[in-house]
Amino acid sequence: MVSAAPPPPEKTSEGQQAYLPPGRSEWLPLTEEAFKVLKATDEVDEAQIQSNLNALSDMFTVALQMPNLGFFAGSGTSLGKVGGPSMGQLWKQAMCTDEQGTLSNIATEITEKVRYAERENPNIEHFLSQCDAYLAFNNDQEVSAFVNTVKELILRACSDFIDDPSSDLSAHRDLLQKLARRRVRDPRLKVFTTNYDMCFETAASDLGMITIDGFSYTRKRRFDGKHFTYDIVRREADGHEFSEGIYQLLKLHGSVSWMRQGTEIYEHVSPDAADACLIYPAKGKYQQAFLQPHLELLSRFLEFLRQPNSCLMIAGFGFNDDHLSEPIYSAIQSNPSLKLVLCDFRCINHVRNHAQHGSSPYWRKLHSLATKGFDIHFISGSFNDLVNHIPHLRSASPAEQLANAVRRVGARE
């Protein structure tokens, strides 16, 4: 008896490369596979795909010439080939004895004690939040010690992968190389991130670029927000000019290389979990964001959102942190010259607000604004896909700027 062939895998829009401009309701596929999935056909229109790619390239050309340029990197930019741990991987490393998700004896005891009952889709952030709530009313040394152990594991998991030879930072290097090539008289590229890891610092070092991260230039580097107002110039005999290849990095939730000593924050190669200056994943992130140095960094992020003629590109961010999502949502409504470019692997599902995917309501809110003509662009794809679509930034001459403007007007007509 001949067994039946297995059914072909179901095609899904997740991860398909597509572009949704403001005011449009139909996604524009950017690859042949995306065309087949989104159009539900085996017929591929190559001319249409190329037209969609040109529209995306034109959008980036305009966006990258805006005076204030920012990039917001969420946790998704450190996953995949980069090697950073996902929330699910952190849960298994901290709580389980195997890949199937079997809880260790101590983890079982702690989850029962703090009444964390979720087993089907456990979340390390929700668990730590439950522990924090429990410890607020109970002086339980066992739970406190376990929480410290989990935090130590998170710290190491977000630190060690960067030294793995298989860790691929090519997308981070390409992004910096493309975006940091700005006119030196424009404000520096600002990279905001919620990640603790050293991906951007390492990528910049590989390129010989200089990272302005708020720390002093002394031997023992100390954090002070005033250093974001400093810059580096090249001094010649007949004058001086701003140096190239410099960007600002603002790590909103702290870093694996930051250590707190009293009221001061210093750079340290390997701080302990108790001394590390991090906002660990828990619902208390909102309150901790208003402590220094996080308050300084958050205030500079809010200031950027209010600047005229600004473009903020966002990748790998699920809009699950309300203290960051709400300012972005408010800024696009109050700042008429703010442009948002949002990229995510599950972007199509997020925009369609599939409840089963756990999409944040901010995706639906932002999409609603985009349909009304707000300058919000959605790109479906990975962080690597986004970087590949970004053209190399080159300062256009006045003649080129005029020619591009005429071409765009002609295309609209």
Protein backbone atom coordinates (compact mmCIF):
# COMPACT_ATOMS: atom_id res chain seq x y z
CA MET A 1 0.00 0.00 0.00
CA VAL A 2 1.42 3.35 -1.06
CA SER A 3 1.20 5.99 1.64
CA ALA A 4 -0.26 9.32 0.66
CA ALA A 5 2.16 12.20 0.19
CA PRO A 6 2.13 14.68 3.04
CA PRO A 7 0.20 17.88 2.34
CA PRO A 8 2.30 20.86 1.26
CA PRO A 9 3.14 23.29 4.05
CA GLU A 10 0.58 26.02 4.51
CA LYS A 11 1.76 29.33 3.13
CA THR A 12 1.83 32.09 5.69
CA SER A 13 2.33 35.82 5.49
CA GLU A 14 4.71 35.72 8.47
CA GLY A 15 8.17 36.83 7.42
CA GLN A 16 7.14 37.63 3.85
CA GLN A 17 8.83 40.77 2.57
CA ALA A 18 6.22 43.42 1.79
CA TYR A 19 5.69 47.16 2.07
CA LEU A 20 2.59 49.07 3.16
CA PRO A 21 2.76 52.83 2.46
CA PRO A 22 0.51 55.27 4.32
CA GLY A 23 -3.00 55.53 2.94
CA ARG A 24 -2.84 52.08 1.31
CA SER A 25 -4.79 49.01 2.38
CA GLU A 26 -3.01 46.44 0.19
CA TRP A 27 0.48 45.20 0.98
CA LEU A 28 3.03 45.56 -1.82
CA PRO A 29 5.04 42.30 -2.16
CA LEU A 30 8.81 42.70 -2.53
CA THR A 31 9.76 39.13 -3.49
CA GLU A 32 8.32 36.40 -5.72
CA GLU A 33 7.37 34.27 -2.72
CA ALA A 34 5.61 37.19 -1.03
CA PHE A 35 3.75 37.92 -4.28
CA LYS A 36 2.46 34.34 -4.44
CA VAL A 37 1.39 34.33 -0.79
CA LEU A 38 -0.19 37.77 -0.61
CA LYS A 39 -1.84 37.59 -4.04
CA ALA A 40 -2.83 33.93 -3.58
CA THR A 41 -1.56 33.06 -7.06
CA ASP A 42 1.27 31.19 -8.76
CA GLU A 43 1.52 33.90 -11.43
CA VAL A 44 4.29 36.38 -10.57
CA ASP A 45 4.34 39.91 -11.96
CA GLU A 46 8.05 40.79 -11.99
CA ALA A 47 7.36 44.34 -13.17
CA GLN A 48 5.03 44.95 -10.24
CA ILE A 49 7.61 43.63 -7.75
CA GLN A 50 10.25 45.94 -9.20
CA SER A 51 7.84 48.86 -9.01
CA ASN A 52 7.20 48.05 -5.34
CA LEU A 53 10.95 47.90 -4.66
CA ASN A 54 11.39 51.26 -6.36
CA ALA A 55 8.64 52.78 -4.21
CA LEU A 56 10.35 51.48 -1.07
CA SER A 57 13.73 52.77 -2.24
CA ASP A 58 12.26 56.21 -2.97
CA MET A 59 10.75 56.31 0.51
CA PHE A 60 14.13 55.52 2.10
CA THR A 61 15.88 58.08 -0.10
CA VAL A 62 13.61 60.81 1.28
CA ALA A 63 13.73 59.47 4.85
CA LEU A 64 17.51 59.26 5.06
CA GLN A 65 17.92 62.86 3.94
CA MET A 66 15.83 64.18 6.84
CA PRO A 67 17.91 66.25 9.29
CA ASN A 68 17.11 64.17 12.37
CA LEU A 69 17.54 60.44 11.83
CA GLY A 70 16.98 57.80 14.50
CA PHE A 71 16.90 54.02 14.59
CA PHE A 72 15.07 52.12 17.34
CA ALA A 73 16.26 48.52 17.83
CA GLY A 74 14.05 46.11 19.74
CA SER A 75 14.87 42.60 20.90
CA GLY A 76 14.19 41.17 17.44
CA THR A 77 17.38 42.76 16.10
CA SER A 78 19.48 40.50 18.35
CA LEU A 79 17.81 37.19 17.45
CA GLY A 80 18.42 34.71 14.64
CA LYS A 81 21.95 34.69 13.21
CA VAL A 82 23.04 37.28 15.77
CA GLY A 83 22.63 34.65 18.48
CA GLY A 84 20.89 36.63 21.20
CA PRO A 85 18.40 34.78 23.44
CA SER A 86 14.65 35.12 23.00
CA MET A 87 12.23 35.37 25.90
CA GLY A 88 11.30 31.74 25.35
CA GLN A 89 14.93 30.64 25.47
CA LEU A 90 15.50 32.62 28.67
CA TRP A 91 12.53 30.84 30.25
CA LYS A 92 13.89 27.41 29.36
CA GLN A 93 17.42 28.23 30.51
CA ALA A 94 16.25 29.64 33.82
CA MET A 95 13.33 27.37 34.66
CA CYS A 96 13.54 24.08 32.79
CA THR A 97 15.58 20.88 32.74
CA ASP A 98 15.07 20.10 29.04
CA GLU A 99 13.98 21.58 25.71
CA GLN A 100 10.47 20.21 26.22
CA GLY A 101 9.89 22.72 29.00
CA THR A 102 9.93 20.44 32.04
CA LEU A 103 10.26 22.65 35.10
CA SER A 104 13.06 21.94 37.57
CA ASN A 105 12.08 21.08 41.14
CA ILE A 106 13.09 24.49 42.49
CA ALA A 107 11.30 26.30 39.63
CA THR A 108 8.15 24.28 40.31
CA GLU A 109 8.32 25.19 43.98
CA ILE A 110 8.82 28.90 43.28
CA THR A 111 6.06 29.14 40.67
CA GLU A 112 3.63 27.53 43.11
CA LYS A 113 4.72 29.84 45.89
CA VAL A 114 4.26 33.04 43.85
CA ARG A 115 1.16 31.57 42.15
CA TYR A 116 2.42 31.74 38.59
CA ALA A 117 0.25 29.13 36.91
CA GLU A 118 0.84 29.72 33.18
CA ARG A 119 2.24 26.55 31.60
CA GLU A 120 1.12 26.60 27.97
CA ASN A 121 2.80 29.90 27.01
CA PRO A 122 5.05 30.79 29.94
CA ASN A 123 6.77 34.16 29.92
CA ILE A 124 9.90 35.00 31.91
CA GLU A 125 8.81 38.66 32.15
CA HIS A 126 5.42 37.77 33.62
CA PHE A 127 7.05 35.32 36.03
CA LEU A 128 9.52 37.89 37.34
CA SER A 129 6.67 40.38 37.67
CA GLN A 130 4.79 37.85 39.78
CA CYS A 131 7.89 37.34 41.92
CA ASP A 132 8.30 41.10 42.43
CA ALA A 133 4.66 41.39 43.50
CA TYR A 134 5.08 38.48 45.92
CA LEU A 135 8.28 39.87 47.42
CA ALA A 136 6.64 43.25 47.95
CA PHE A 137 4.52 41.65 50.68
CA ASN A 138 6.65 38.67 51.74
CA ASN A 139 10.22 38.55 53.06
CA ASP A 140 10.97 35.21 51.42
CA GLN A 141 14.70 34.55 51.09
CA GLU A 142 14.20 31.49 48.89
CA VAL A 143 12.20 33.40 46.28
CA SER A 144 14.59 36.36 46.48
CA ALA A 145 17.62 34.10 45.95
CA PHE A 146 15.95 32.37 42.99
CA VAL A 147 15.10 35.72 41.38
CA ASN A 148 18.74 36.79 41.73
CA THR A 149 19.85 33.53 40.11
CA VAL A 150 17.48 34.13 37.18
CA LYS A 151 18.75 37.69 36.78
CA GLU A 152 22.35 36.46 36.79
CA LEU A 153 21.45 33.98 34.04
CA ILE A 154 19.76 36.72 31.98
CA LEU A 155 22.83 38.92 32.37
CA ARG A 156 25.20 36.19 31.19
CA ALA A 157 22.91 35.01 28.39
CA CYS A 158 22.79 38.56 27.00
CA SER A 159 26.56 38.95 27.36
CA ASP A 160 28.26 35.74 26.29
CA PHE A 161 26.74 35.19 22.83
CA ILE A 162 28.55 38.20 21.40
CA ASP A 163 31.89 36.33 21.73
CA ASP A 164 30.62 33.24 19.94
CA PRO A 165 32.35 32.85 16.54
CA SER A 166 28.98 32.02 14.98
CA SER A 167 27.44 35.33 16.06
CA ASP A 168 26.70 37.27 12.88
CA LEU A 169 26.71 41.07 13.30
CA SER A 170 26.83 41.83 9.58
CA ALA A 171 23.37 43.46 9.63
CA HIS A 172 24.41 45.77 12.49
CA ARG A 173 27.60 46.71 10.65
CA ASP A 174 25.75 47.34 7.39
CA LEU A 175 23.14 49.45 9.15
CA LEU A 176 25.72 51.69 10.82
CA GLN A 177 27.76 51.93 7.65
CA LYS A 178 24.71 53.04 5.68
CA LEU A 179 23.04 55.37 8.17
CA ALA A 180 26.09 57.01 9.72
CA ARG A 181 27.27 58.33 6.34
CA ARG A 182 25.45 61.60 6.86
CA ARG A 183 26.41 65.14 6.17
CA VAL A 184 28.59 66.03 9.14
CA ARG A 185 26.71 69.28 9.67
CA ASP A 186 23.49 67.33 10.32
CA PRO A 187 22.70 65.97 13.79
CA ARG A 188 24.38 62.63 14.44
CA LEU A 189 22.52 59.39 13.82
CA LYS A 190 20.86 58.30 17.06
CA VAL A 191 20.42 54.59 17.78
CA PHE A 192 17.93 53.85 20.56
CA THR A 193 17.68 50.30 21.85
CA THR A 194 16.02 48.33 24.62
CA ASN A 195 18.63 45.57 24.28
CA TYR A 196 21.29 45.03 26.95
CA ASP A 197 23.81 43.39 24.65
CA MET A 198 26.90 44.86 22.99
CA CYS A 199 25.88 44.31 19.35
CA PHE A 200 26.05 47.92 18.22
CA GLU A 201 29.23 48.71 20.15
CA THR A 202 30.94 45.63 18.70
CA ALA A 203 29.74 46.36 15.16
CA ALA A 204 30.93 49.97 15.41
CA SER A 205 34.30 48.82 16.71
CA ASP A 206 34.65 46.43 13.76
CA LEU A 207 34.09 49.39 11.43
CA GLY A 208 36.38 51.75 13.30
CA MET A 209 33.44 54.01 14.15
CA ILE A 210 33.10 56.04 17.34
CA THR A 211 30.16 55.44 19.68
CA ILE A 212 28.96 58.32 21.83
CA ASP A 213 27.07 56.50 24.60
CA GLY A 214 26.89 59.02 27.44
CA PHE A 215 30.07 57.85 29.18
CA SER A 216 33.12 59.97 29.84
CA TYR A 217 36.38 59.66 27.95
CA THR A 218 38.39 59.06 31.12
CA ARG A 219 40.09 55.78 32.01
CA LYS A 220 37.26 54.86 34.39
CA ARG A 221 34.30 55.71 32.21
CA ARG A 222 31.41 57.31 34.12
CA PHE A 223 27.93 58.01 32.77
CA ASP A 224 26.81 61.62 32.49
CA GLY A 225 24.14 62.82 30.08
CA LYS A 226 26.16 65.89 29.19
CA HIS A 227 28.45 63.70 27.08
CA PHE A 228 25.67 63.38 24.50
CA THR A 229 26.18 67.09 23.83
CA TYR A 230 29.86 66.55 23.08
CA ASP A 231 31.16 65.79 19.60
CA ILE A 232 34.47 65.10 17.87
CA VAL A 233 36.06 67.44 15.35
CA ARG A 234 39.06 67.13 13.08
CA ARG A 235 41.29 70.13 13.66
CA GLU A 236 43.48 71.31 10.81
CA ALA A 237 45.94 74.19 10.56
CA ASP A 238 43.42 76.42 8.79
CA GLY A 239 40.30 75.42 10.69
CA HIS A 240 38.29 72.41 11.83
CA GLU A 241 35.36 70.25 10.78
CA PHE A 242 33.22 67.53 12.33
CA SER A 243 34.64 64.02 11.98
CA GLU A 244 32.78 61.32 10.05
CA GLY A 245 31.68 57.88 11.24
CA ILE A 246 30.27 58.94 14.60
CA TYR A 247 26.86 58.04 16.00
CA GLN A 248 25.04 58.22 19.33
CA LEU A 249 23.88 55.07 21.15
CA LEU A 250 21.18 55.36 23.82
CA LYS A 251 20.49 52.08 25.65
CA LEU A 252 17.14 52.80 27.26
CA HIS A 253 17.05 49.71 29.50
CA GLY A 254 20.71 49.65 30.44
CA SER A 255 23.60 47.47 29.35
CA VAL A 256 25.48 44.33 30.33
CA SER A 257 28.56 46.56 30.60
CA TRP A 258 27.10 49.06 33.08
CA MET A 259 27.70 48.81 36.82
CA ARG A 260 26.04 50.89 39.54
CA GLN A 261 28.19 52.06 42.46
CA GLY A 262 26.08 54.13 44.80
CA THR A 263 24.63 56.95 42.71
CA GLU A 264 27.21 56.63 39.91
CA ILE A 265 27.16 54.46 36.80
CA TYR A 266 30.46 53.13 35.44
CA GLU A 267 31.42 50.92 32.52
CA HIS A 268 32.55 47.46 33.63
CA VAL A 269 33.60 44.38 31.68
CA SER A 270 31.54 41.89 33.70
CA PRO A 271 29.35 43.32 36.48
CA ASP A 272 27.47 41.09 38.92
CA ALA A 273 23.70 40.78 38.57
CA ALA A 274 23.18 42.70 41.82
CA ASP A 275 25.33 45.63 40.62
CA ALA A 276 24.44 45.60 36.93
CA CYS A 277 22.55 48.66 35.74
CA LEU A 278 19.72 46.95 33.87
CA ILE A 279 15.96 47.14 33.75
CA TYR A 280 15.30 43.40 33.96
CA PRO A 281 12.21 42.09 32.13
CA ALA A 282 9.25 42.63 34.45
CA LYS A 283 6.16 44.78 34.61
CA GLY A 284 8.09 47.16 36.87
CA LYS A 285 9.99 48.41 33.81
CA TYR A 286 7.70 51.43 33.66
CA GLN A 287 8.64 52.62 37.15
CA GLN A 288 12.34 51.82 36.75
CA ALA A 289 12.46 53.87 33.54
CA PHE A 290 12.06 56.97 35.71
CA LEU A 291 15.24 56.29 37.68
CA GLN A 292 18.69 57.45 36.58
CA PRO A 293 20.35 56.83 34.19
CA HIS A 294 17.27 55.50 32.41
CA LEU A 295 15.37 58.74 32.97
CA GLU A 296 18.12 60.71 31.22
CA LEU A 297 18.03 58.35 28.23
CA LEU A 298 14.23 58.27 28.08
CA SER A 299 14.05 62.07 28.17
CA ARG A 300 16.44 62.28 25.21
CA PHE A 301 14.29 59.78 23.31
CA LEU A 302 11.20 61.91 24.00
CA GLU A 303 13.10 65.01 22.93
CA PHE A 304 14.01 63.34 19.62
CA LEU A 305 10.35 62.51 18.95
CA ARG A 306 9.45 66.20 19.30
CA GLN A 307 12.14 67.47 16.92
CA PRO A 308 10.89 68.78 13.56
CA ASN A 309 11.87 66.96 10.36
CA SER A 310 12.67 63.68 12.11
CA CYS A 311 12.58 60.11 10.87
CA LEU A 312 12.49 57.17 13.28
CA MET A 313 12.98 53.66 11.92
CA ILE A 314 11.89 50.88 14.27
CA ALA A 315 12.86 47.20 13.92
CA GLY A 316 12.23 44.16 16.09
CA PHE A 317 10.06 46.05 18.60
CA GLY A 318 6.67 44.58 19.48
CA PHE A 319 5.23 47.73 21.11
CA ASN A 320 4.72 45.84 24.37
CA ASP A 321 6.51 48.45 26.51
CA ASP A 322 3.87 51.10 27.15
CA HIS A 323 6.37 53.64 28.48
CA LEU A 324 7.96 53.67 25.01
CA SER A 325 4.98 52.84 22.79
CA GLU A 326 2.72 55.59 24.09
CA PRO A 327 5.25 58.41 23.44
CA ILE A 328 5.75 57.15 19.87
CA TYR A 329 2.00 57.00 19.29
CA SER A 330 1.50 60.47 20.76
CA ALA A 331 4.43 61.98 18.86
CA ILE A 332 3.20 60.93 15.42
CA GLN A 333 -0.06 62.75 16.16
CA SER A 334 1.48 65.92 17.58
CA ASN A 335 4.61 66.25 15.41
CA PRO A 336 3.45 66.79 11.80
CA SER A 337 6.96 66.36 10.34
CA LEU A 338 7.73 63.04 12.07
CA LYS A 339 8.11 60.01 9.79
CA LEU A 340 7.85 56.47 11.19
CA VAL A 341 9.17 53.37 9.42
CA LEU A 342 8.12 50.19 11.25
CA CYS A 343 9.63 46.81 10.43
CA ASP A 344 8.88 43.45 12.03
CA PHE A 345 8.99 39.78 11.06
CA ARG A 346 5.28 39.47 11.94
CA CYS A 347 4.33 42.93 10.73
CA ILE A 348 1.45 41.79 8.51
CA ASN A 349 -0.14 39.84 11.36
CA HIS A 350 0.42 42.75 13.74
CA VAL A 351 -1.23 45.23 11.40
CA ARG A 352 -4.15 42.90 10.85
CA ASN A 353 -4.30 42.69 14.66
CA HIS A 354 -4.56 38.91 14.87
CA ALA A 355 -5.39 38.35 18.53
CA GLN A 356 -3.94 34.84 18.41
CA HIS A 357 -0.52 36.32 17.74
CA GLY A 358 -0.64 38.47 20.85
CA SER A 359 -0.20 41.69 18.90
CA SER A 360 0.02 44.91 20.87
CA PRO A 361 -2.96 47.25 20.37
CA TYR A 362 -0.50 49.95 19.30
CA TRP A 363 -0.08 48.22 15.94
CA ARG A 364 -3.78 48.67 15.25
CA LYS A 365 -3.68 52.27 16.48
CA LEU A 366 -0.71 53.16 14.29
CA HIS A 367 -2.22 51.42 11.28
CA SER A 368 -5.42 53.39 11.80
CA LEU A 369 -3.41 56.62 11.69
CA ALA A 370 -1.57 55.44 8.57
CA THR A 371 -4.85 54.82 6.73
CA LYS A 372 -5.73 58.45 7.48
CA GLY A 373 -2.54 59.65 5.80
CA PHE A 374 -0.14 59.95 8.72
CA ASP A 375 3.47 59.41 7.62
CA ILE A 376 3.75 55.82 8.88
CA HIS A 377 5.30 53.11 6.70
CA PHE A 378 5.10 49.39 7.49
CA ILE A 379 7.67 46.87 6.26
CA SER A 380 7.22 43.14 6.75
CA GLY A 381 10.48 41.25 7.07
CA SER A 382 13.44 40.56 9.33
CA PHE A 383 16.03 43.03 10.56
CA ASN A 384 18.40 41.72 7.88
CA ASP A 385 15.71 42.27 5.22
CA LEU A 386 15.25 45.86 6.35
CA VAL A 387 18.98 46.62 6.26
CA ASN A 388 19.26 45.11 2.77
CA HIS A 389 16.50 47.42 1.50
CA ILE A 390 18.12 50.56 2.95
CA PRO A 391 20.19 52.24 0.22
CA HIS A 392 23.69 53.51 0.93
CA LEU A 393 23.34 57.04 2.18
CA ARG A 394 25.11 59.65 0.11
CA SER A 395 24.63 63.37 0.32
CA ALA A 396 22.82 64.47 -2.81
CA SER A 397 23.93 67.63 -4.55
CA PRO A 398 21.37 70.47 -4.99
CA ALA A 399 20.99 69.47 -8.64
CA GLU A 400 20.32 65.84 -7.69
CA GLN A 401 17.82 66.89 -5.04
CA LEU A 402 15.95 68.99 -7.63
CA ALA A 403 16.01 66.15 -10.16
CA ASN A 404 14.68 63.69 -7.58
CA ALA A 405 11.90 66.08 -6.60
CA VAL A 406 10.86 66.52 -10.24
CA ARG A 407 10.92 62.77 -10.79
CA ARG A 408 8.70 62.14 -7.76
CA VAL A 409 6.19 64.79 -8.89
CA GLY A 410 6.11 63.26 -12.35
CA ALA A 411 5.53 59.79 -10.90
CA ARG A 412 2.52 61.03 -8.90
CA GLU A 413 1.02 62.58 -12.01
